[in-house]
N, C-alpha and C. Protein backbone atom coordinates (compact mmCIF):
# COMPACT_ATOMS: atom_id res chain seq x y z
N MET A 1 23.32 -21.89 -21.71
CA MET A 1 22.25 -20.75 -21.74
C MET A 1 22.20 -20.84 -19.63
N ALA A 2 21.98 -19.75 -19.30
CA ALA A 2 21.41 -19.81 -17.66
C ALA A 2 20.52 -19.81 -17.29
N ARG A 3 20.13 -20.52 -16.53
CA ARG A 3 19.25 -20.22 -16.13
C ARG A 3 18.85 -19.77 -14.56
N ARG A 4 17.53 -18.85 -14.94
CA ARG A 4 16.99 -17.77 -13.93
C ARG A 4 16.18 -19.21 -13.18
N LYS A 5 16.37 -17.82 -11.76
CA LYS A 5 15.72 -18.29 -10.65
C LYS A 5 14.14 -17.97 -10.96
N SER A 6 13.28 -19.15 -10.30
CA SER A 6 11.86 -18.77 -11.04
C SER A 6 11.23 -18.02 -10.25
N VAL A 7 10.65 -16.32 -10.46
CA VAL A 7 10.21 -15.48 -9.56
C VAL A 7 8.56 -15.45 -9.66
N ASN A 8 7.89 -15.44 -8.67
CA ASN A 8 6.30 -15.19 -8.64
C ASN A 8 6.10 -13.75 -9.09
N PRO A 9 5.73 -13.61 -10.52
CA PRO A 9 5.83 -12.16 -11.27
C PRO A 9 4.78 -11.22 -10.48
N LYS A 10 3.77 -11.64 -9.69
CA LYS A 10 3.31 -10.64 -8.79
C LYS A 10 3.74 -10.25 -7.43
N HIS A 11 5.21 -10.51 -7.22
CA HIS A 11 5.83 -10.58 -5.93
C HIS A 11 7.32 -9.78 -6.70
N SER A 12 7.41 -9.58 -7.69
CA SER A 12 8.47 -9.12 -7.83
C SER A 12 8.64 -8.14 -7.82
N GLU A 13 9.86 -7.16 -7.25
CA GLU A 13 9.81 -6.15 -7.12
C GLU A 13 11.23 -5.61 -6.96
N PRO A 14 11.77 -4.47 -7.43
CA PRO A 14 13.20 -3.97 -7.04
C PRO A 14 13.46 -4.53 -5.63
N PRO A 15 14.80 -4.78 -5.22
CA PRO A 15 15.28 -5.38 -4.22
C PRO A 15 15.13 -4.02 -3.86
N ILE A 16 15.07 -2.76 -3.59
CA ILE A 16 15.17 -1.09 -3.07
C ILE A 16 13.70 -1.59 -2.34
N LEU A 17 12.62 -1.78 -2.66
CA LEU A 17 11.51 -2.02 -2.54
C LEU A 17 11.54 -2.73 -1.44
N ALA A 18 11.61 -3.93 -1.41
CA ALA A 18 12.09 -4.83 -0.89
C ALA A 18 12.53 -4.68 0.69
N TRP A 19 13.33 -3.51 0.47
CA TRP A 19 14.13 -3.73 1.87
C TRP A 19 13.46 -2.50 2.57
N LEU A 20 13.08 -1.26 1.85
CA LEU A 20 12.21 -0.42 2.40
C LEU A 20 10.57 -0.76 3.18
N GLU A 21 10.44 -1.86 2.46
CA GLU A 21 8.99 -2.09 3.36
C GLU A 21 9.39 -2.87 4.50
N LYS A 22 10.87 -3.88 4.52
CA LYS A 22 11.44 -4.24 5.69
C LYS A 22 11.76 -3.36 7.12
N GLU A 23 11.97 -2.02 6.59
CA GLU A 23 12.78 -1.19 7.17
C GLU A 23 11.34 -0.41 7.68
N PHE A 24 10.40 0.15 6.81
CA PHE A 24 9.29 0.72 7.35
C PHE A 24 8.53 -0.14 8.67
N ALA A 25 8.82 -1.73 8.62
CA ALA A 25 7.96 -2.44 8.96
C ALA A 25 8.57 -2.52 10.43
N ARG A 26 9.72 -2.33 10.20
CA ARG A 26 10.47 -2.47 11.94
C ARG A 26 10.20 -0.93 12.50
N VAL A 27 10.61 0.07 11.84
CA VAL A 27 10.22 1.04 12.82
C VAL A 27 8.57 2.04 12.77
N ARG A 28 7.93 1.40 12.10
CA ARG A 28 6.57 1.47 12.16
C ARG A 28 5.89 1.29 14.00
N LYS A 29 5.24 2.82 13.88
CA LYS A 29 4.44 2.21 15.70
C LYS A 29 3.38 1.32 15.71
N GLU A 30 3.32 0.39 16.83
CA GLU A 30 2.08 -0.72 16.58
C GLU A 30 1.27 -0.02 17.16
N VAL A 31 0.26 0.10 16.08
CA VAL A 31 -1.24 0.29 16.73
C VAL A 31 -2.39 -0.26 15.90
N THR A 32 -3.64 -0.47 16.09
CA THR A 32 -4.56 -0.86 16.20
C THR A 32 -5.41 -0.12 15.20
N PRO A 33 -5.38 -0.83 13.10
CA PRO A 33 -5.78 0.01 12.47
C PRO A 33 -7.13 0.38 12.66
N LEU A 34 -8.02 1.46 12.72
CA LEU A 34 -9.54 1.59 12.54
C LEU A 34 -10.12 0.48 10.98
N TYR A 35 -8.86 0.43 10.33
CA TYR A 35 -10.02 -0.14 9.11
C TYR A 35 -9.18 -1.61 8.87
N PRO A 36 -8.85 -2.17 9.35
CA PRO A 36 -7.89 -3.46 9.10
C PRO A 36 -8.30 -4.24 7.97
N TYR A 37 -6.83 -4.41 7.32
CA TYR A 37 -6.93 -4.74 5.98
C TYR A 37 -6.69 -6.42 5.98
N ASP A 38 -6.74 -7.26 4.75
CA ASP A 38 -7.26 -8.97 5.03
C ASP A 38 -5.78 -9.11 4.29
N ALA A 39 -4.58 -9.29 5.41
CA ALA A 39 -3.58 -9.85 5.40
C ALA A 39 -3.30 -10.81 4.06
N LYS A 40 -4.29 -12.12 4.04
CA LYS A 40 -4.10 -12.90 3.33
C LYS A 40 -4.36 -12.88 1.91
N THR A 41 -4.77 -11.71 1.89
CA THR A 41 -5.54 -11.69 0.57
C THR A 41 -5.21 -10.04 -0.15
N ASN A 42 -4.63 -9.56 1.17
CA ASN A 42 -3.97 -8.16 0.42
C ASN A 42 -5.15 -7.00 0.21
N THR A 43 -6.06 -7.07 0.52
CA THR A 43 -7.69 -6.03 0.21
C THR A 43 -7.85 -5.44 1.37
N ILE A 44 -7.92 -4.10 1.40
CA ILE A 44 -8.39 -3.04 1.79
C ILE A 44 -9.54 -2.10 1.66
N HIS A 45 -10.85 -2.62 2.34
CA HIS A 45 -12.13 -1.84 2.06
C HIS A 45 -11.99 -0.58 3.34
N LEU A 46 -12.67 0.82 2.57
CA LEU A 46 -12.24 1.93 2.92
C LEU A 46 -13.63 2.75 2.83
N PRO A 47 -14.21 2.90 3.86
CA PRO A 47 -15.58 3.81 3.38
C PRO A 47 -15.59 4.88 2.35
N GLN A 48 -16.59 5.05 1.66
CA GLN A 48 -16.73 5.96 0.66
C GLN A 48 -16.07 7.40 0.90
N GLY A 49 -16.48 8.25 2.20
CA GLY A 49 -15.76 8.94 2.43
C GLY A 49 -14.25 9.23 2.62
N ILE A 50 -13.76 8.14 3.01
CA ILE A 50 -12.85 8.03 3.24
C ILE A 50 -11.64 8.43 1.89
N GLU A 51 -12.24 7.34 0.47
CA GLU A 51 -11.84 7.24 -0.26
C GLU A 51 -12.17 8.36 -1.24
N GLU A 52 -13.18 8.94 -1.13
CA GLU A 52 -13.19 10.65 -1.54
C GLU A 52 -11.66 11.74 -1.00
N GLU A 53 -11.61 11.34 0.36
CA GLU A 53 -10.69 12.30 1.09
C GLU A 53 -9.56 11.62 0.52
N LEU A 54 -8.79 10.84 0.03
CA LEU A 54 -7.68 9.92 -0.74
C LEU A 54 -7.37 10.67 -2.49
N ARG A 55 -8.54 10.48 -3.10
CA ARG A 55 -9.03 11.15 -4.05
C ARG A 55 -8.35 12.44 -4.51
N LEU A 56 -9.18 12.96 -3.50
CA LEU A 56 -8.34 14.90 -3.39
C LEU A 56 -7.31 14.96 -2.90
N LEU A 57 -6.44 14.27 -2.22
CA LEU A 57 -4.93 14.29 -1.74
C LEU A 57 -4.50 13.70 -3.08
N VAL A 58 -4.72 13.04 -4.14
CA VAL A 58 -4.18 12.80 -4.60
C VAL A 58 -4.14 13.81 -5.91
N LEU A 59 -5.71 13.99 -6.31
CA LEU A 59 -5.65 15.29 -7.06
C LEU A 59 -4.97 16.67 -6.61
N MET A 60 -4.62 16.81 -5.47
CA MET A 60 -4.00 17.62 -5.08
C MET A 60 -2.58 17.53 -5.41
N GLY A 61 -1.49 16.39 -5.66
CA GLY A 61 -0.16 16.38 -5.86
C GLY A 61 0.06 15.58 -4.31
N ASN A 62 -0.52 14.96 -3.57
CA ASN A 62 -0.05 14.51 -2.43
C ASN A 62 -0.10 13.09 -2.74
N LYS A 63 0.23 12.10 -3.34
CA LYS A 63 0.19 10.72 -3.19
C LYS A 63 0.53 10.35 -2.24
N VAL A 64 1.65 10.94 -1.95
CA VAL A 64 2.72 9.81 -0.93
C VAL A 64 1.67 10.79 0.40
N GLU A 65 1.02 11.43 0.63
CA GLU A 65 0.37 11.68 1.74
C GLU A 65 -0.90 10.39 1.85
N ALA A 66 -1.37 10.20 0.42
CA ALA A 66 -2.54 9.74 0.57
C ALA A 66 -1.99 8.17 1.12
N VAL A 67 -0.92 7.53 0.73
CA VAL A 67 -0.15 5.91 0.66
C VAL A 67 0.04 6.34 2.16
N LYS A 68 0.09 6.91 2.72
CA LYS A 68 0.88 7.55 4.20
C LYS A 68 -0.55 6.94 5.21
N ARG A 69 -1.76 7.59 4.58
CA ARG A 69 -2.89 7.78 5.17
C ARG A 69 -3.53 6.60 4.87
N VAL A 70 -3.40 5.97 4.19
CA VAL A 70 -3.93 4.60 3.95
C VAL A 70 -3.28 3.82 4.67
N THR A 71 -1.69 3.41 4.85
CA THR A 71 -1.02 2.95 6.39
C THR A 71 -1.89 2.92 7.05
N GLN A 72 -2.05 3.98 7.36
CA GLN A 72 -1.96 4.53 9.19
C GLN A 72 -3.81 3.93 9.53
N LEU A 73 -4.18 3.90 9.00
CA LEU A 73 -6.14 3.59 8.92
C LEU A 73 -6.34 2.04 8.75
N THR A 74 -5.45 1.70 7.89
CA THR A 74 -5.28 0.10 7.53
C THR A 74 -4.16 -1.12 8.38
N GLY A 75 -3.37 -0.58 8.37
CA GLY A 75 -1.99 -1.31 8.90
C GLY A 75 -1.39 -1.97 8.25
N ALA A 76 -2.08 -1.89 6.78
CA ALA A 76 -1.03 -2.39 5.18
C ALA A 76 0.28 -1.67 5.24
N GLY A 77 1.20 -2.74 4.43
CA GLY A 77 2.57 -2.51 4.04
C GLY A 77 2.48 -1.22 3.21
N LEU A 78 3.58 -0.43 2.91
CA LEU A 78 3.84 0.53 2.03
C LEU A 78 3.52 0.08 0.15
N ARG A 79 3.66 -1.49 0.06
CA ARG A 79 3.40 -1.88 -1.04
C ARG A 79 1.95 -2.02 -1.64
N VAL A 80 1.19 -2.57 -0.54
CA VAL A 80 -0.33 -2.65 -0.49
C VAL A 80 -0.93 -1.37 -0.81
N SER A 81 -0.57 -0.64 0.28
CA SER A 81 -1.18 0.75 0.38
C SER A 81 -0.75 1.43 -0.93
N LYS A 82 0.14 1.57 -1.43
CA LYS A 82 0.42 2.24 -2.95
C LYS A 82 -0.59 1.49 -4.35
N ASP A 83 -0.70 0.12 -4.11
CA ASP A 83 -1.41 -0.39 -4.78
C ASP A 83 -2.77 0.27 -4.60
N TYR A 84 -3.44 0.05 -3.35
CA TYR A 84 -4.49 0.60 -3.36
C TYR A 84 -4.63 1.76 -3.86
N ILE A 85 -4.06 3.18 -3.52
CA ILE A 85 -4.46 4.29 -4.45
C ILE A 85 -4.25 4.50 -5.58
N ASP A 86 -3.45 3.79 -6.09
CA ASP A 86 -2.94 3.49 -7.52
C ASP A 86 -4.83 3.00 -8.49
N ASN A 87 -5.06 1.78 -7.56
CA ASN A 87 -6.28 1.16 -7.82
C ASN A 87 -7.30 2.03 -8.01
N LEU A 88 -7.60 3.27 -6.79
CA LEU A 88 -8.44 4.15 -6.16
C LEU A 88 -8.81 5.24 -7.10
N VAL A 89 -7.06 5.40 -7.48
CA VAL A 89 -7.21 7.05 -8.64
C VAL A 89 -7.58 6.49 -10.04
N GLY A 90 -7.74 5.23 -10.58
CA GLY A 90 -7.97 4.69 -11.56
C GLY A 90 -9.61 4.34 -11.71
N LYS A 91 -10.15 4.25 -10.49
CA LYS A 91 -11.91 4.22 -10.41
C LYS A 91 -12.46 5.93 -10.73
N LYS A 92 -13.71 5.78 -11.33
CA LYS A 92 -14.42 7.10 -11.34
C LYS A 92 -15.38 6.63 -10.24
């Protein structure tokens, strides 16, 4: 029986996502974000007004734009920003 490499399930993702994240980091403009995220815990905290704006973008079918906005405001990567939007949309 072949043994598989131990992979942390929290960080396992398709190779294409890892590649996209790496390329995005390479070409992204270096700016100081207005609301820096906590890179140690991958935690994002945004004001309520911005969260409402992001929810509206998702409701209008612009989830990609919402993720892009989070990335611009926080400096977080694509994966962290997408997870934030997914969790935000789940909140009421």
